[in-house]
Protein backbone atom coordinates (compact mmCIF):
# COMPACT_ATOMS: atom_id res chain seq x y z
CA MET A 1 9.26 -12.84 -2.67
CA THR A 2 8.62 -15.60 0.18
CA GLY A 3 5.73 -17.01 1.26
CA MET A 4 3.53 -16.61 -1.50
CA ALA A 5 0.35 -18.85 -1.96
CA THR A 6 0.51 -21.11 -4.76
CA THR A 7 -1.99 -22.68 -7.04
CA ALA A 8 -1.51 -25.71 -9.38
CA GLU A 9 -3.16 -25.21 -12.67
CA ASN A 10 -3.04 -27.58 -15.44
CA GLY A 11 0.10 -28.59 -14.44
CA SER A 12 1.86 -25.07 -13.62
CA THR A 13 2.23 -23.28 -10.26
CA ARG A 14 0.80 -19.54 -10.05
CA ASN A 15 1.87 -17.36 -7.22
CA TRP A 16 -0.59 -14.92 -6.03
CA THR A 17 -1.40 -12.92 -2.72
CA PHE A 18 -4.40 -11.71 -1.19
CA LEU A 19 -3.23 -7.74 -1.31
CA THR A 20 -2.58 -5.72 -4.44
CA ASN A 21 0.49 -3.85 -4.77
CA HIS A 22 -1.16 -0.71 -3.95
CA ALA A 23 -2.37 -2.06 -0.87
CA HIS A 24 1.23 -3.23 -0.05
CA VAL A 25 2.62 -0.28 -1.09
CA LEU A 26 0.32 1.93 1.34
CA LEU A 27 1.26 -0.19 4.04
CA ALA A 28 4.52 0.51 3.72
CA ILE A 29 4.11 4.13 4.17
CA ALA A 30 1.98 4.10 6.57
CA ARG A 31 4.62 2.16 8.21
CA ASN A 32 7.23 4.53 7.72
CA PRO A 33 5.86 7.52 6.19
CA THR A 34 9.57 9.13 5.71
CA ALA A 35 10.53 5.94 3.57
CA ARG A 36 12.37 6.23 0.45
CA LEU A 37 10.18 5.07 -2.77
CA ARG A 38 13.25 2.77 -3.54
CA ASP A 39 13.00 1.13 -0.29
CA VAL A 40 9.36 0.80 -0.79
CA ALA A 41 9.63 -0.80 -3.66
CA ASP A 42 12.29 -3.40 -2.59
CA GLU A 43 10.10 -4.18 0.56
CA VAL A 44 6.79 -4.61 -1.68
CA GLY A 45 8.94 -6.19 -4.41
CA VAL A 46 8.26 -4.22 -7.47
CA THR A 47 10.52 -1.93 -9.43
CA GLU A 48 10.49 1.85 -8.27
CA ARG A 49 9.12 3.42 -11.66
CA ALA A 50 5.76 1.01 -10.36
CA ALA A 51 6.40 2.59 -6.70
CA GLN A 52 6.39 6.05 -8.00
CA ALA A 53 3.11 5.28 -10.29
CA ILE A 54 1.30 3.59 -7.45
CA VAL A 55 2.06 6.31 -5.17
CA ALA A 56 0.84 8.70 -7.62
CA ASP A 57 -2.56 6.60 -8.07
CA LEU A 58 -3.03 6.55 -4.52
CA GLU A 59 -2.48 10.40 -4.12
CA ALA A 60 -4.78 11.02 -7.20
CA GLY A 61 -7.17 8.88 -5.71
CA GLY A 62 -6.71 10.93 -1.80
CA TYR A 63 -5.13 7.91 -0.25
CA LEU A 64 -2.09 9.68 0.80
CA ARG A 65 -0.33 12.99 0.51
CA ARG A 66 3.14 14.16 -0.66
CA THR A 67 4.75 16.92 1.48
CA ARG A 68 8.77 17.70 0.45
CA VAL A 69 10.39 17.95 3.24
CA GLY A 70 14.04 19.11 2.29
CA ARG A 71 15.50 16.54 -0.34
CA ARG A 72 12.81 13.94 0.55
CA ASN A 73 9.27 13.18 0.56
CA GLU A 74 6.91 12.64 4.07
CA TYR A 75 3.81 11.17 3.23
CA THR A 76 0.60 11.59 5.29
CA VAL A 77 -1.81 8.49 4.91
CA ASN A 78 -5.75 9.28 4.74
CA PRO A 79 -7.58 6.51 6.97
CA ARG A 80 -11.32 7.85 5.88
CA GLY A 81 -10.87 6.94 2.05
CA HIS A 82 -12.95 4.32 1.24
CA PHE A 83 -12.03 0.77 -0.44
CA ARG A 84 -12.62 1.29 -4.60
CA HIS A 85 -14.50 -2.21 -5.00
CA PRO A 86 -18.37 -2.14 -4.57
CA ALA A 87 -18.09 -4.94 -2.57
CA GLU A 88 -16.15 -2.80 0.06
CA ALA A 89 -16.91 0.69 -0.61
CA ASP A 90 -18.68 1.14 3.02
CA ARG A 91 -15.63 0.21 4.28
CA GLN A 92 -12.50 3.00 5.19
CA VAL A 93 -8.90 1.85 4.23
CA GLY A 94 -8.19 2.67 7.76
CA ASP A 95 -9.29 -0.58 9.10
CA LEU A 96 -6.78 -2.10 6.67
CA LEU A 97 -3.99 -0.41 8.21
CA ALA A 98 -4.95 -0.90 11.30
CA LEU A 99 -4.76 -4.24 11.29
CA PHE A 100 -1.57 -4.86 9.61
CA THR A 101 0.33 -2.07 11.46
CA GLY A 102 -1.50 -2.40 14.65
CA GLU A 103 -2.63 0.97 15.24
CA THR A 104 -6.00 2.21 15.67
CA ALA A 105 -7.64 3.21 12.33
CA GLU A 106 -7.97 7.09 13.12
CA SER A 107 -4.34 6.93 14.73
CA THR A 108 -2.88 6.11 10.76
CA SER A 109 -2.82 9.21 9.37
């Protein structure tokens, strides 16, 4: 993944980002609700198996819903889901989605 921030620590370099892979997967799906998980995984920079596990987590947490359409899945994102960390638990994920997709929080579903 290009453009990652790096931090020098004891002579070594560590890569890190502000958003988790869960956030990246949710954003990729919000941008393209009919994307194949293979394409989501490639976009995020994780394996397809990791993307599947993340989608399962997001679905179990109520952040998205998966609907089978023919041989493919179509995803519906729930912008009213709240962040899991106590520091942001009063905020909805739709705010983050709107920031990165350019849509209003209500229209990201």
